[in-house]
C-alpha atoms as a PDB file:
ATOM      1  CA  UNK A   1      39.798  21.445  18.540  1.00  0.00           C
ATOM      2  CA  UNK A   2      38.090  18.285  18.410  1.00  0.00           C
ATOM      3  CA  UNK A   3      39.409  15.394  20.712  1.00  0.00           C
ATOM      4  CA  UNK A   4      40.760  12.064  18.966  1.00  0.00           C
ATOM      5  CA  UNK A   5      41.713   8.759  20.311  1.00  0.00           C
ATOM      6  CA  UNK A   6      43.944   6.998  18.789  1.00  0.00           C
ATOM      7  CA  UNK A   7      43.171   3.138  17.614  1.00  0.00           C
ATOM      8  CA  UNK A   8      44.205   0.630  20.186  1.00  0.00           C
ATOM      9  CA  UNK A   9      46.267  -2.158  19.248  1.00  0.00           C
ATOM     10  CA  UNK A  10      43.685  -4.207  18.186  1.00  0.00           C
ATOM     11  CA  UNK A  11      42.122  -1.630  15.796  1.00  0.00           C
ATOM     12  CA  UNK A  12      45.913  -0.365  14.509  1.00  0.00           C
ATOM     13  CA  UNK A  13      46.662  -3.892  13.334  1.00  0.00           C
ATOM     14  CA  UNK A  14      43.203  -4.433  11.931  1.00  0.00           C
ATOM     15  CA  UNK A  15      43.720  -1.379   9.827  1.00  0.00           C
ATOM     16  CA  UNK A  16      47.237  -2.210   8.696  1.00  0.00           C
ATOM     17  CA  UNK A  17      46.295  -6.018   7.806  1.00  0.00           C
ATOM     18  CA  UNK A  18      43.718  -4.403   5.457  1.00  0.00           C
ATOM     19  CA  UNK A  19      46.330  -2.282   3.728  1.00  0.00           C
ATOM     20  CA  UNK A  20      49.005  -5.197   3.552  1.00  0.00           C
ATOM     21  CA  UNK A  21      46.021  -7.083   1.926  1.00  0.00           C
ATOM     22  CA  UNK A  22      45.121  -4.498  -0.723  1.00  0.00           C
ATOM     23  CA  UNK A  23      48.581  -3.406  -1.517  1.00  0.00           C
ATOM     24  CA  UNK A  24      50.796  -6.412  -0.425  1.00  0.00           C
ATOM     25  CA  UNK A  25      53.138  -4.749   1.408  1.00  0.00           C
ATOM     26  CA  UNK A  26      53.241  -1.953   4.414  1.00  0.00           C
ATOM     27  CA  UNK A  27      55.513   1.210   4.311  1.00  0.00           C
ATOM     28  CA  UNK A  28      55.988   3.258   7.690  1.00  0.00           C
ATOM     29  CA  UNK A  29      53.845   6.474   7.065  1.00  0.00           C
ATOM     30  CA  UNK A  30      50.815   4.023   6.966  1.00  0.00           C
ATOM     31  CA  UNK A  31      50.659   2.992  10.816  1.00  0.00           C
ATOM     32  CA  UNK A  32      51.718   6.991  11.605  1.00  0.00           C
ATOM     33  CA  UNK A  33      48.588   8.135   9.185  1.00  0.00           C
ATOM     34  CA  UNK A  34      46.688   5.700  11.430  1.00  0.00           C
ATOM     35  CA  UNK A  35      47.587   6.940  14.607  1.00  0.00           C
ATOM     36  CA  UNK A  36      46.936  10.616  13.474  1.00  0.00           C
ATOM     37  CA  UNK A  37      43.708   9.986  11.443  1.00  0.00           C
ATOM     38  CA  UNK A  38      42.097   6.884  10.467  1.00  0.00           C
ATOM     39  CA  UNK A  39      39.774   8.532   8.410  1.00  0.00           C
ATOM     40  CA  UNK A  40      42.649  10.313   6.479  1.00  0.00           C
ATOM     41  CA  UNK A  41      44.776   6.910   6.341  1.00  0.00           C
ATOM     42  CA  UNK A  42      41.490   5.623   4.411  1.00  0.00           C
ATOM     43  CA  UNK A  43      41.169   8.665   2.384  1.00  0.00           C
ATOM     44  CA  UNK A  44      44.791   8.405   1.396  1.00  0.00           C
ATOM     45  CA  UNK A  45      44.857   4.641   0.584  1.00  0.00           C
ATOM     46  CA  UNK A  46      41.648   5.530  -1.730  1.00  0.00           C
ATOM     47  CA  UNK A  47      43.549   8.085  -3.434  1.00  0.00           C
ATOM     48  CA  UNK A  48      46.457   5.566  -3.729  1.00  0.00           C
ATOM     49  CA  UNK A  49      44.736   3.021  -5.138  1.00  0.00           C
ATOM     50  CA  UNK A  50      42.917   5.191  -7.631  1.00  0.00           C
ATOM     51  CA  UNK A  51      46.021   6.156  -8.990  1.00  0.00           C
ATOM     52  CA  UNK A  52      48.217   3.219  -8.804  1.00  0.00           C
ATOM     53  CA  UNK A  53      45.909   0.098  -8.603  1.00  0.00           C
ATOM     54  CA  UNK A  54      42.774   1.221 -10.665  1.00  0.00           C
ATOM     55  CA  UNK A  55      43.063   0.208 -14.444  1.00  0.00           C
ATOM     56  CA  UNK A  56      42.513   3.555 -16.639  1.00  0.00           C
ATOM     57  CA  UNK A  57      43.175   3.933 -20.196  1.00  0.00           C
ATOM     58  CA  UNK A  58      46.839   3.289 -20.447  1.00  0.00           C
ATOM     59  CA  UNK A  59      47.665  -0.574 -20.044  1.00  0.00           C
ATOM     60  CA  UNK A  60      49.076  -2.008 -17.055  1.00  0.00           C
ATOM     61  CA  UNK A  61      52.103  -2.470 -18.846  1.00  0.00           C
ATOM     62  CA  UNK A  62      52.314   1.330 -19.719  1.00  0.00           C
ATOM     63  CA  UNK A  63      51.361   2.483 -16.173  1.00  0.00           C
ATOM     64  CA  UNK A  64      53.885   0.519 -14.341  1.00  0.00           C
ATOM     65  CA  UNK A  65      56.478   1.445 -17.158  1.00  0.00           C
ATOM     66  CA  UNK A  66      55.735   5.419 -16.396  1.00  0.00           C
ATOM     67  CA  UNK A  67      56.257   4.756 -12.483  1.00  0.00           C
ATOM     68  CA  UNK A  68      59.138   3.484 -12.754  1.00  0.00           C
ATOM     69  CA  UNK A  69      60.279   6.616 -14.991  1.00  0.00           C
ATOM     70  CA  UNK A  70      58.828   8.940 -12.263  1.00  0.00           C
ATOM     71  CA  UNK A  71      60.356   6.688  -9.515  1.00  0.00           C
ATOM     72  CA  UNK A  72      63.655   6.675 -10.869  1.00  0.00           C
ATOM     73  CA  UNK A  73      63.827  10.370 -11.499  1.00  0.00           C
ATOM     74  CA  UNK A  74      62.958  11.037  -8.421  1.00  0.00           C
ATOM     75  CA  UNK A  75      65.175   8.539  -6.694  1.00  0.00           C
ATOM     76  CA  UNK A  76      62.467   6.913  -4.761  1.00  0.00           C
ATOM     77  CA  UNK A  77      63.843   3.249  -4.030  1.00  0.00           C
ATOM     78  CA  UNK A  78      61.182   2.145  -1.317  1.00  0.00           C
ATOM     79  CA  UNK A  79      58.332   1.706  -4.098  1.00  0.00           C
ATOM     80  CA  UNK A  80      60.478  -1.182  -5.684  1.00  0.00           C
ATOM     81  CA  UNK A  81      57.195  -3.140  -5.944  1.00  0.00           C
ATOM     82  CA  UNK A  82      55.935  -1.314  -9.207  1.00  0.00           C
ATOM     83  CA  UNK A  83      59.274  -2.883 -10.878  1.00  0.00           C
ATOM     84  CA  UNK A  84      57.739  -6.234  -9.775  1.00  0.00           C
ATOM     85  CA  UNK A  85      54.346  -5.084 -11.223  1.00  0.00           C
ATOM     86  CA  UNK A  86      56.171  -4.242 -14.273  1.00  0.00           C
ATOM     87  CA  UNK A  87      57.633  -7.433 -14.851  1.00  0.00           C
ATOM     88  CA  UNK A  88      54.259  -9.200 -14.117  1.00  0.00           C
ATOM     89  CA  UNK A  89      52.499  -7.029 -16.802  1.00  0.00           C
ATOM     90  CA  UNK A  90      54.680  -8.416 -19.492  1.00  0.00           C
ATOM     91  CA  UNK A  91      57.912  -5.535 -19.253  1.00  0.00           C
ATOM     92  CA  UNK A  92      60.696  -6.493 -20.976  1.00  0.00           C
ATOM     93  CA  UNK A  93      64.439  -5.956 -19.750  1.00  0.00           C
ATOM     94  CA  UNK A  94      64.676  -4.051 -23.293  1.00  0.00           C
ATOM     95  CA  UNK A  95      61.636  -1.999 -22.206  1.00  0.00           C
ATOM     96  CA  UNK A  96      63.257  -1.166 -18.939  1.00  0.00           C
ATOM     97  CA  UNK A  97      66.678  -0.470 -20.427  1.00  0.00           C
ATOM     98  CA  UNK A  98      64.844   1.799 -22.662  1.00  0.00           C
ATOM     99  CA  UNK A  99      62.765   3.703 -20.154  1.00  0.00           C
ATOM    100  CA  UNK A 100      65.723   4.389 -17.814  1.00  0.00           C
ATOM    101  CA  UNK A 101      67.714   5.618 -21.092  1.00  0.00           C
ATOM    102  CA  UNK A 102      65.134   8.128 -21.885  1.00  0.00           C
ATOM    103  CA  UNK A 103      64.183   9.011 -18.171  1.00  0.00           C
ATOM    104  CA  UNK A 104      68.101  10.186 -18.128  1.00  0.00           C
ATOM    105  CA  UNK A 105      68.032  12.040 -21.246  1.00  0.00           C
ATOM    106  CA  UNK A 106      64.915  13.812 -19.639  1.00  0.00           C
ATOM    107  CA  UNK A 107      66.398  14.867 -16.930  1.00  0.00           C
ATOM    108  CA  UNK A 108      69.144  16.403 -18.882  1.00  0.00           C
ATOM    109  CA  UNK A 109      66.646  18.973 -20.717  1.00  0.00           C
ATOM    110  CA  UNK A 110      68.149  21.998 -18.939  1.00  0.00           C
ATOM    111  CA  UNK A 111      71.555  21.374 -21.624  1.00  0.00           C
ATOM    112  CA  UNK A 112      68.661  22.254 -24.448  1.00  0.00           C
ATOM    113  CA  UNK A 113      67.504  25.101 -22.369  1.00  0.00           C
ATOM    114  CA  UNK A 114      70.842  26.638 -21.593  1.00  0.00           C
ATOM    115  CA  UNK A 115      71.874  26.796 -25.188  1.00  0.00           C
ATOM    116  CA  UNK A 116      68.507  28.535 -26.578  1.00  0.00           C
ATOM    117  CA  UNK A 117      68.908  30.967 -23.665  1.00  0.00           C
ATOM    118  CA  UNK A 118      72.664  31.863 -23.789  1.00  0.00           C
ATOM    119  CA  UNK A 119      73.898  31.026 -27.344  1.00  0.00           C
ATOM    120  CA  UNK A 120      71.169  31.434 -29.676  1.00  0.00           C
ATOM    121  CA  UNK A 121      72.229  34.548 -31.036  1.00  0.00           C
ATOM    122  CA  UNK A 122      75.841  32.787 -31.981  1.00  0.00           C
ATOM    123  CA  UNK A 123      73.849  29.810 -33.739  1.00  0.00           C
ATOM    124  CA  UNK A 124      71.228  31.095 -36.183  1.00  0.00           C
ATOM    125  CA  UNK A 125      70.594  28.125 -37.469  1.00  0.00           C
ATOM    126  CA  UNK A 126      70.252  26.433 -34.292  1.00  0.00           C
ATOM    127  CA  UNK A 127      66.882  25.438 -33.108  1.00  0.00           C
ATOM    128  CA  UNK A 128      66.867  23.771 -29.553  1.00  0.00           C
ATOM    129  CA  UNK A 129      63.203  22.239 -29.979  1.00  0.00           C
ATOM    130  CA  UNK A 130      64.140  20.505 -33.097  1.00  0.00           C
ATOM    131  CA  UNK A 131      67.756  19.361 -31.874  1.00  0.00           C
ATOM    132  CA  UNK A 132      65.730  17.849 -28.274  1.00  0.00           C
ATOM    133  CA  UNK A 133      63.044  16.231 -30.418  1.00  0.00           C
ATOM    134  CA  UNK A 134      65.851  14.641 -32.370  1.00  0.00           C
ATOM    135  CA  UNK A 135      67.684  13.455 -29.374  1.00  0.00           C
ATOM    136  CA  UNK A 136      64.315  12.325 -27.490  1.00  0.00           C
ATOM    137  CA  UNK A 137      63.519   9.864 -30.706  1.00  0.00           C
ATOM    138  CA  UNK A 138      66.730   8.192 -30.882  1.00  0.00           C
ATOM    139  CA  UNK A 139      66.867   7.402 -27.435  1.00  0.00           C
ATOM    140  CA  UNK A 140      63.084   6.228 -27.215  1.00  0.00           C
ATOM    141  CA  UNK A 141      63.028   4.730 -30.789  1.00  0.00           C
ATOM    142  CA  UNK A 142      62.828   0.908 -29.065  1.00  0.00           C
ATOM    143  CA  UNK A 143      59.784   2.228 -26.935  1.00  0.00           C
ATOM    144  CA  UNK A 144      55.927   2.348 -28.509  1.00  0.00           C
ATOM    145  CA  UNK A 145      55.506   6.006 -29.803  1.00  0.00           C
ATOM    146  CA  UNK A 146      53.022   6.975 -27.315  1.00  0.00           C
ATOM    147  CA  UNK A 147      55.066   5.267 -24.398  1.00  0.00           C
ATOM    148  CA  UNK A 148      58.060   7.077 -25.141  1.00  0.00           C
ATOM    149  CA  UNK A 149      56.244  10.703 -24.861  1.00  0.00           C
ATOM    150  CA  UNK A 150      54.914   9.725 -22.098  1.00  0.00           C
ATOM    151  CA  UNK A 151      58.005   9.137 -20.125  1.00  0.00           C
ATOM    152  CA  UNK A 152      59.484  12.261 -21.484  1.00  0.00           C
ATOM    153  CA  UNK A 153      55.961  14.061 -20.344  1.00  0.00           C
ATOM    154  CA  UNK A 154      56.178  12.552 -16.891  1.00  0.00           C
ATOM    155  CA  UNK A 155      59.951  12.959 -16.695  1.00  0.00           C
ATOM    156  CA  UNK A 156      59.944  16.980 -17.544  1.00  0.00           C
ATOM    157  CA  UNK A 157      56.854  17.350 -14.473  1.00  0.00           C
ATOM    158  CA  UNK A 158      59.146  15.940 -11.953  1.00  0.00           C
ATOM    159  CA  UNK A 159      62.207  18.094 -13.014  1.00  0.00           C
ATOM    160  CA  UNK A 160      60.252  20.944 -13.213  1.00  0.00           C
ATOM    161  CA  UNK A 161      61.383  21.557 -16.660  1.00  0.00           C
ATOM    162  CA  UNK A 162      57.964  22.968 -18.251  1.00  0.00           C
ATOM    163  CA  UNK A 163      59.159  24.482 -21.439  1.00  0.00           C
ATOM    164  CA  UNK A 164      60.442  21.025 -21.919  1.00  0.00           C
ATOM    165  CA  UNK A 165      57.023  19.853 -21.057  1.00  0.00           C
ATOM    166  CA  UNK A 166      55.356  22.277 -23.349  1.00  0.00           C
ATOM    167  CA  UNK A 167      57.225  21.331 -26.513  1.00  0.00           C
ATOM    168  CA  UNK A 168      57.048  17.615 -25.676  1.00  0.00           C
ATOM    169  CA  UNK A 169      52.847  17.583 -25.436  1.00  0.00           C
ATOM    170  CA  UNK A 170      52.971  19.655 -28.591  1.00  0.00           C
ATOM    171  CA  UNK A 171      55.127  16.765 -30.260  1.00  0.00           C
ATOM    172  CA  UNK A 172      52.799  14.110 -28.348  1.00  0.00           C
ATOM    173  CA  UNK A 173      49.896  15.529 -30.091  1.00  0.00           C
ATOM    174  CA  UNK A 174      51.505  16.013 -33.800  1.00  0.00           C
ATOM    175  CA  UNK A 175      52.247  12.241 -33.109  1.00  0.00           C
ATOM    176  CA  UNK A 176      48.631  11.283 -32.282  1.00  0.00           C
ATOM    177  CA  UNK A 177      49.095  10.424 -28.788  1.00  0.00           C
ATOM    178  CA  UNK A 178      45.753  10.407 -26.880  1.00  0.00           C
ATOM    179  CA  UNK A 179      45.029  12.982 -24.646  1.00  0.00           C
ATOM    180  CA  UNK A 180      43.358  11.023 -22.220  1.00  0.00           C
ATOM    181  CA  UNK A 181      46.680   8.729 -22.104  1.00  0.00           C
ATOM    182  CA  UNK A 182      48.252  11.935 -21.519  1.00  0.00           C
ATOM    183  CA  UNK A 183      46.324  13.103 -19.126  1.00  0.00           C
ATOM    184  CA  UNK A 184      46.436  10.214 -16.886  1.00  0.00           C
ATOM    185  CA  UNK A 185      50.295  10.053 -17.174  1.00  0.00           C
ATOM    186  CA  UNK A 186      50.341  13.430 -15.677  1.00  0.00           C
ATOM    187  CA  UNK A 187      48.021  12.655 -12.982  1.00  0.00           C
ATOM    188  CA  UNK A 188      50.532  10.134 -12.223  1.00  0.00           C
ATOM    189  CA  UNK A 189      53.150  12.387 -10.783  1.00  0.00           C
ATOM    190  CA  UNK A 190      50.586  13.951  -8.310  1.00  0.00           C
ATOM    191  CA  UNK A 191      51.911  11.324  -5.495  1.00  0.00           C
ATOM    192  CA  UNK A 192      55.431  11.068  -5.776  1.00  0.00           C
ATOM    193  CA  UNK A 193      56.255  14.504  -6.964  1.00  0.00           C
ATOM    194  CA  UNK A 194      53.240  16.641  -5.091  1.00  0.00           C
ATOM    195  CA  UNK A 195      50.175  18.556  -6.171  1.00  0.00           C
ATOM    196  CA  UNK A 196      52.123  21.685  -6.826  1.00  0.00           C
ATOM    197  CA  UNK A 197      53.940  20.340  -9.626  1.00  0.00           C
ATOM    198  CA  UNK A 198      50.470  18.732 -10.825  1.00  0.00           C
ATOM    199  CA  UNK A 199      48.806  22.107 -10.728  1.00  0.00           C
ATOM    200  CA  UNK A 200      51.868  23.735 -12.743  1.00  0.00           C
ATOM    201  CA  UNK A 201      51.648  20.744 -15.561  1.00  0.00           C
ATOM    202  CA  UNK A 202      48.016  21.309 -16.144  1.00  0.00           C
ATOM    203  CA  UNK A 203      48.860  25.137 -16.232  1.00  0.00           C
ATOM    204  CA  UNK A 204      51.299  24.747 -19.111  1.00  0.00           C
ATOM    205  CA  UNK A 205      48.731  22.136 -20.841  1.00  0.00           C
ATOM    206  CA  UNK A 206      46.281  24.328 -20.823  1.00  0.00           C
ATOM    207  CA  UNK A 207      47.991  27.411 -21.566  1.00  0.00           C
ATOM    208  CA  UNK A 208      49.098  25.470 -24.945  1.00  0.00           C
ATOM    209  CA  UNK A 209      45.494  24.902 -25.854  1.00  0.00           C
ATOM    210  CA  UNK A 210      44.452  28.658 -24.961  1.00  0.00           C
ATOM    211  CA  UNK A 211      47.122  29.763 -27.534  1.00  0.00           C
ATOM    212  CA  UNK A 212      46.418  26.921 -30.149  1.00  0.00           C
ATOM    213  CA  UNK A 213      49.220  25.473 -30.498  1.00  0.00           C
ATOM    214  CA  UNK A 214      47.685  21.757 -30.092  1.00  0.00           C
ATOM    215  CA  UNK A 215      44.591  20.611 -31.485  1.00  0.00           C
ATOM    216  CA  UNK A 216      43.177  19.926 -28.198  1.00  0.00           C
ATOM    217  CA  UNK A 217      39.498  18.096 -28.010  1.00  0.00           C
ATOM    218  CA  UNK A 218      36.088  19.641 -27.133  1.00  0.00           C
ATOM    219  CA  UNK A 219      36.251  18.494 -23.943  1.00  0.00           C
ATOM    220  CA  UNK A 220      39.792  19.639 -23.263  1.00  0.00           C
ATOM    221  CA  UNK A 221      39.249  22.913 -24.938  1.00  0.00           C
ATOM    222  CA  UNK A 222      36.329  23.431 -22.404  1.00  0.00           C
ATOM    223  CA  UNK A 223      38.501  22.764 -19.537  1.00  0.00           C
ATOM    224  CA  UNK A 224      40.904  25.631 -20.900  1.00  0.00           C
ATOM    225  CA  UNK A 225      38.643  28.211 -21.468  1.00  0.00           C
ATOM    226  CA  UNK A 226      37.167  27.821 -18.195  1.00  0.00           C
ATOM    227  CA  UNK A 227      37.928  30.781 -16.108  1.00  0.00           C
ATOM    228  CA  UNK A 228      39.019  31.388 -12.726  1.00  0.00           C
ATOM    229  CA  UNK A 229      41.520  28.959 -12.900  1.00  0.00           C
ATOM    230  CA  UNK A 230      44.550  30.772 -11.470  1.00  0.00           C
ATOM    231  CA  UNK A 231      43.932  29.920  -7.427  1.00  0.00           C
ATOM    232  CA  UNK A 232      43.537  32.453  -5.027  1.00  0.00           C
ATOM    233  CA  UNK A 233      45.383  35.520  -6.451  1.00  0.00           C
ATOM    234  CA  UNK A 234      43.368  35.508  -9.793  1.00  0.00           C
ATOM    235  CA  UNK A 235      40.122  35.048  -7.201  1.00  0.00           C
ATOM    236  CA  UNK A 236      40.791  37.788  -5.121  1.00  0.00           C
ATOM    237  CA  UNK A 237      41.590  40.115  -8.442  1.00  0.00           C
ATOM    238  CA  UNK A 238      38.144  38.987  -9.827  1.00  0.00           C
ATOM    239  CA  UNK A 239      36.480  39.822  -6.821  1.00  0.00           C
ATOM    240  CA  UNK A 240      38.168  42.240  -4.581  1.00  0.00           C
ATOM    241  CA  UNK A 241      37.170  42.415  -1.199  1.00  0.00           C
END
């Protein structure tokens, strides 16, 4: 194992000062990463900047609104700087309240799942997906259409509600939400909720495309149709040793 000499106090101060300057704040793990591996800290900071600070297809207002939804359902108060950023980019109290309300509703998705799984035989005229979408549209009404769908999408991912994510993606396509906006929203969940959830979310979306349940663009269809995306198990079955 290669030797590693942690940075001296001056070098550590320089590294952390650079992070503070870029982000406007420091968190405890920054120093820990600096003491463990400056290369890891640099890479991590670049990844964070790409997700949180670099403009993409989403407006900065919607980007920060989605961060608020993700942080709320994950109960992560340490990232309160996103509240300030939301306000800096024109976020209103009415929008904030709607985002929180929709986050709460989406977190309750297991109630619709329960009825569909256990009581459907007693309710032949009930459609859980239609009931969910009716509730969603009511609570999301104060938000722009695209943002409402994106909030529900990221919350479903954070809550491991994969059937709900599928329903929401289908509805978002039907309402014309751009795929690139959906993809950017989905990717935002990676840092606060973990790579495994991002993997599962991508798999749900891919299966919808493969089954023809959404009208995907050529680029997204090409992604879905690429073989060998099942990880080690699929690769091991395909090419046994």
